[in-house]
Amino acid sequence: VLEACKKYHPKLVGLSALMTTTLKSMEKTIALLHKNRIPAKIMVGGAVLTPDYAKTIGADYYAKDAKESVDIARQIIGK
């Protein structure tokens, strides 16, 4: 994810977790993006996430479902 961000300079990075075992990797990915000063906003979602947990791991946005993720993306990207 970090290498793709360095190469493509996205405005938004979306991460999804469907199992609790992947949450630690999501948290590490977000920390790595922040450490490398990637300016993209980070949106997270998935069955095992909550808005509070999204804030705890440093995400900018939490999307409860696909429609909400599209709405957030449109807000950030402007389309």
N, C-alpha and C. Protein backbone atom coordinates (compact mmCIF):
# COMPACT_ATOMS: atom_id res chain seq x y z
N VAL A 1 0.84 -1.19 0.00
CA VAL A 1 0.00 0.00 0.00
C VAL A 1 0.88 1.25 0.00
N LEU A 2 1.91 1.23 0.82
CA LEU A 2 2.81 2.39 0.88
C LEU A 2 3.46 2.64 -0.47
N GLU A 3 3.99 1.61 -1.09
CA GLU A 3 4.65 1.79 -2.39
C GLU A 3 3.67 2.30 -3.44
N ALA A 4 2.45 1.80 -3.43
CA ALA A 4 1.44 2.28 -4.39
C ALA A 4 1.13 3.75 -4.14
N CYS A 5 1.06 4.15 -2.88
CA CYS A 5 0.80 5.56 -2.56
C CYS A 5 1.94 6.46 -3.04
N LYS A 6 3.17 5.98 -2.86
CA LYS A 6 4.31 6.76 -3.32
C LYS A 6 4.31 6.90 -4.84
N LYS A 7 3.87 5.87 -5.52
CA LYS A 7 3.88 5.87 -6.98
C LYS A 7 2.71 6.65 -7.58
N TYR A 8 1.50 6.48 -7.02
CA TYR A 8 0.30 7.03 -7.65
C TYR A 8 -0.26 8.29 -6.98
N HIS A 9 0.18 8.61 -5.78
CA HIS A 9 -0.26 9.82 -5.07
C HIS A 9 -1.79 9.94 -4.99
N PRO A 10 -2.47 8.96 -4.42
CA PRO A 10 -3.93 9.02 -4.34
C PRO A 10 -4.39 10.06 -3.33
N LYS A 11 -5.61 10.53 -3.50
CA LYS A 11 -6.22 11.42 -2.51
C LYS A 11 -6.85 10.62 -1.38
N LEU A 12 -7.17 9.35 -1.67
CA LEU A 12 -7.88 8.51 -0.71
C LEU A 12 -7.35 7.09 -0.77
N VAL A 13 -7.15 6.51 0.41
CA VAL A 13 -6.79 5.09 0.52
C VAL A 13 -7.91 4.41 1.29
N GLY A 14 -8.43 3.33 0.74
CA GLY A 14 -9.49 2.57 1.39
C GLY A 14 -8.98 1.23 1.86
N LEU A 15 -9.27 0.91 3.11
CA LEU A 15 -8.87 -0.38 3.69
C LEU A 15 -10.10 -1.05 4.28
N SER A 16 -10.19 -2.36 4.11
CA SER A 16 -11.33 -3.11 4.62
C SER A 16 -10.86 -4.34 5.37
N ALA A 17 -11.55 -4.65 6.46
CA ALA A 17 -11.25 -5.85 7.25
C ALA A 17 -12.53 -6.62 7.50
N LEU A 18 -12.50 -7.88 7.19
CA LEU A 18 -13.66 -8.74 7.43
C LEU A 18 -13.44 -9.71 8.58
N MET A 19 -12.18 -9.82 9.03
CA MET A 19 -11.87 -10.71 10.15
C MET A 19 -11.03 -9.95 11.17
N THR A 20 -11.23 -10.24 12.42
CA THR A 20 -10.48 -9.53 13.47
C THR A 20 -8.98 -9.77 13.34
N THR A 21 -8.58 -10.87 12.74
CA THR A 21 -7.15 -11.16 12.60
C THR A 21 -6.44 -10.18 11.68
N THR A 22 -7.18 -9.46 10.84
CA THR A 22 -6.56 -8.51 9.92
C THR A 22 -6.50 -7.09 10.48
N LEU A 23 -7.11 -6.85 11.61
CA LEU A 23 -7.14 -5.50 12.17
C LEU A 23 -5.75 -4.98 12.52
N LYS A 24 -4.90 -5.83 13.03
CA LYS A 24 -3.56 -5.39 13.40
C LYS A 24 -2.78 -4.94 12.17
N SER A 25 -2.95 -5.66 11.06
CA SER A 25 -2.29 -5.26 9.81
C SER A 25 -2.82 -3.92 9.33
N MET A 26 -4.11 -3.70 9.47
CA MET A 26 -4.70 -2.42 9.08
C MET A 26 -4.10 -1.29 9.91
N GLU A 27 -4.00 -1.50 11.20
CA GLU A 27 -3.43 -0.49 12.09
C GLU A 27 -1.98 -0.20 11.71
N LYS A 28 -1.21 -1.24 11.41
CA LYS A 28 0.19 -1.06 11.02
C LYS A 28 0.31 -0.32 9.68
N THR A 29 -0.58 -0.62 8.76
CA THR A 29 -0.57 0.05 7.46
C THR A 29 -0.83 1.54 7.63
N ILE A 30 -1.81 1.89 8.43
CA ILE A 30 -2.14 3.30 8.67
C ILE A 30 -0.96 4.00 9.34
N ALA A 31 -0.36 3.35 10.32
CA ALA A 31 0.80 3.95 11.00
C ALA A 31 1.95 4.17 10.02
N LEU A 32 2.17 3.23 9.12
CA LEU A 32 3.23 3.35 8.13
C LEU A 32 2.95 4.50 7.16
N LEU A 33 1.70 4.65 6.75
CA LEU A 33 1.34 5.76 5.87
C LEU A 33 1.57 7.09 6.57
N HIS A 34 1.19 7.18 7.82
CA HIS A 34 1.41 8.41 8.58
C HIS A 34 2.90 8.68 8.78
N LYS A 35 3.64 7.64 9.13
CA LYS A 35 5.08 7.80 9.35
C LYS A 35 5.78 8.32 8.09
N ASN A 36 5.32 7.91 6.93
CA ASN A 36 5.91 8.33 5.67
C ASN A 36 5.25 9.58 5.10
N ARG A 37 4.42 10.20 5.90
CA ARG A 37 3.77 11.47 5.54
C ARG A 37 3.02 11.40 4.22
N ILE A 38 2.31 10.29 4.02
CA ILE A 38 1.46 10.16 2.85
C ILE A 38 0.24 11.06 3.09
N PRO A 39 -0.01 12.03 2.21
CA PRO A 39 -1.08 13.00 2.47
C PRO A 39 -2.50 12.49 2.19
N ALA A 40 -2.63 11.30 1.66
CA ALA A 40 -3.96 10.76 1.34
C ALA A 40 -4.80 10.60 2.60
N LYS A 41 -6.09 10.82 2.46
CA LYS A 41 -7.02 10.52 3.54
C LYS A 41 -7.20 9.01 3.58
N ILE A 42 -7.48 8.47 4.75
CA ILE A 42 -7.62 7.03 4.91
C ILE A 42 -9.04 6.71 5.37
N MET A 43 -9.69 5.85 4.60
CA MET A 43 -11.05 5.41 4.90
C MET A 43 -11.00 3.92 5.21
N VAL A 44 -11.66 3.51 6.28
CA VAL A 44 -11.71 2.10 6.64
C VAL A 44 -13.16 1.64 6.78
N GLY A 45 -13.34 0.35 6.65
CA GLY A 45 -14.65 -0.24 6.82
C GLY A 45 -14.51 -1.74 6.88
N GLY A 46 -15.62 -2.41 7.03
CA GLY A 46 -15.62 -3.86 7.10
C GLY A 46 -16.42 -4.34 8.29
N ALA A 47 -16.74 -5.59 8.24
CA ALA A 47 -17.64 -6.19 9.22
C ALA A 47 -17.16 -6.08 10.67
N VAL A 48 -15.87 -6.05 10.87
CA VAL A 48 -15.34 -6.07 12.25
C VAL A 48 -14.95 -4.70 12.78
N LEU A 49 -15.21 -3.65 12.02
CA LEU A 49 -14.82 -2.31 12.43
C LEU A 49 -15.99 -1.51 12.98
N THR A 50 -15.65 -0.56 13.83
CA THR A 50 -16.62 0.40 14.35
C THR A 50 -16.04 1.80 14.14
N PRO A 51 -16.88 2.83 14.18
CA PRO A 51 -16.36 4.19 14.05
C PRO A 51 -15.32 4.52 15.13
N ASP A 52 -15.55 4.06 16.34
CA ASP A 52 -14.59 4.34 17.42
C ASP A 52 -13.25 3.66 17.16
N TYR A 53 -13.29 2.43 16.69
CA TYR A 53 -12.04 1.73 16.41
C TYR A 53 -11.31 2.40 15.25
N ALA A 54 -12.04 2.86 14.26
CA ALA A 54 -11.42 3.56 13.12
C ALA A 54 -10.63 4.77 13.61
N LYS A 55 -11.20 5.52 14.54
CA LYS A 55 -10.48 6.67 15.10
C LYS A 55 -9.25 6.22 15.89
N THR A 56 -9.40 5.15 16.64
CA THR A 56 -8.30 4.64 17.46
C THR A 56 -7.08 4.28 16.62
N ILE A 57 -7.30 3.73 15.43
CA ILE A 57 -6.16 3.30 14.60
C ILE A 57 -5.70 4.39 13.63
N GLY A 58 -6.30 5.57 13.71
CA GLY A 58 -5.80 6.70 12.94
C GLY A 58 -6.44 6.93 11.59
N ALA A 59 -7.56 6.27 11.32
CA ALA A 59 -8.26 6.49 10.05
C ALA A 59 -8.96 7.85 10.06
N ASP A 60 -9.08 8.44 8.89
CA ASP A 60 -9.78 9.72 8.76
C ASP A 60 -11.29 9.53 8.65
N TYR A 61 -11.69 8.41 8.06
CA TYR A 61 -13.11 8.13 7.82
C TYR A 61 -13.43 6.68 8.10
N TYR A 62 -14.66 6.45 8.53
CA TYR A 62 -15.22 5.10 8.68
C TYR A 62 -16.44 5.01 7.78
N ALA A 63 -16.52 3.97 6.99
CA ALA A 63 -17.69 3.75 6.14
C ALA A 63 -18.39 2.47 6.60
N LYS A 64 -19.67 2.59 6.89
CA LYS A 64 -20.41 1.43 7.39
C LYS A 64 -20.78 0.45 6.28
N ASP A 65 -20.82 0.94 5.03
CA ASP A 65 -21.17 0.07 3.91
C ASP A 65 -20.64 0.67 2.61
N ALA A 66 -20.86 -0.04 1.51
CA ALA A 66 -20.31 0.38 0.22
C ALA A 66 -20.85 1.74 -0.21
N LYS A 67 -22.13 2.00 -0.01
CA LYS A 67 -22.70 3.28 -0.41
C LYS A 67 -22.05 4.43 0.34
N GLU A 68 -21.86 4.26 1.62
CA GLU A 68 -21.23 5.32 2.40
C GLU A 68 -19.78 5.54 1.95
N SER A 69 -19.09 4.46 1.58
CA SER A 69 -17.71 4.62 1.11
C SER A 69 -17.67 5.41 -0.19
N VAL A 70 -18.64 5.20 -1.07
CA VAL A 70 -18.72 5.98 -2.32
C VAL A 70 -19.00 7.44 -2.01
N ASP A 71 -19.89 7.69 -1.08
CA ASP A 71 -20.20 9.08 -0.70
C ASP A 71 -18.96 9.78 -0.15
N ILE A 72 -18.20 9.09 0.68
CA ILE A 72 -16.98 9.67 1.23
C ILE A 72 -15.98 9.92 0.11
N ALA A 73 -15.81 8.95 -0.76
CA ALA A 73 -14.88 9.11 -1.87
C ALA A 73 -15.25 10.29 -2.75
N ARG A 74 -16.51 10.46 -3.04
CA ARG A 74 -16.95 11.60 -3.84
C ARG A 74 -16.66 12.92 -3.14
N GLN A 75 -16.83 12.94 -1.85
CA GLN A 75 -16.55 14.15 -1.06
C GLN A 75 -15.07 14.50 -1.15
N ILE A 76 -14.21 13.51 -1.06
CA ILE A 76 -12.77 13.76 -1.06
C ILE A 76 -12.24 14.03 -2.46
N ILE A 77 -12.67 13.23 -3.40
CA ILE A 77 -12.15 13.34 -4.76
C ILE A 77 -12.87 14.46 -5.54
N GLY A 78 -14.10 14.71 -5.16
CA GLY A 78 -14.82 15.81 -5.77
C GLY A 78 -15.56 15.47 -7.05
N LYS A 79 -15.95 14.22 -7.21
CA LYS A 79 -16.68 13.82 -8.41
C LYS A 79 -18.03 13.28 -8.07
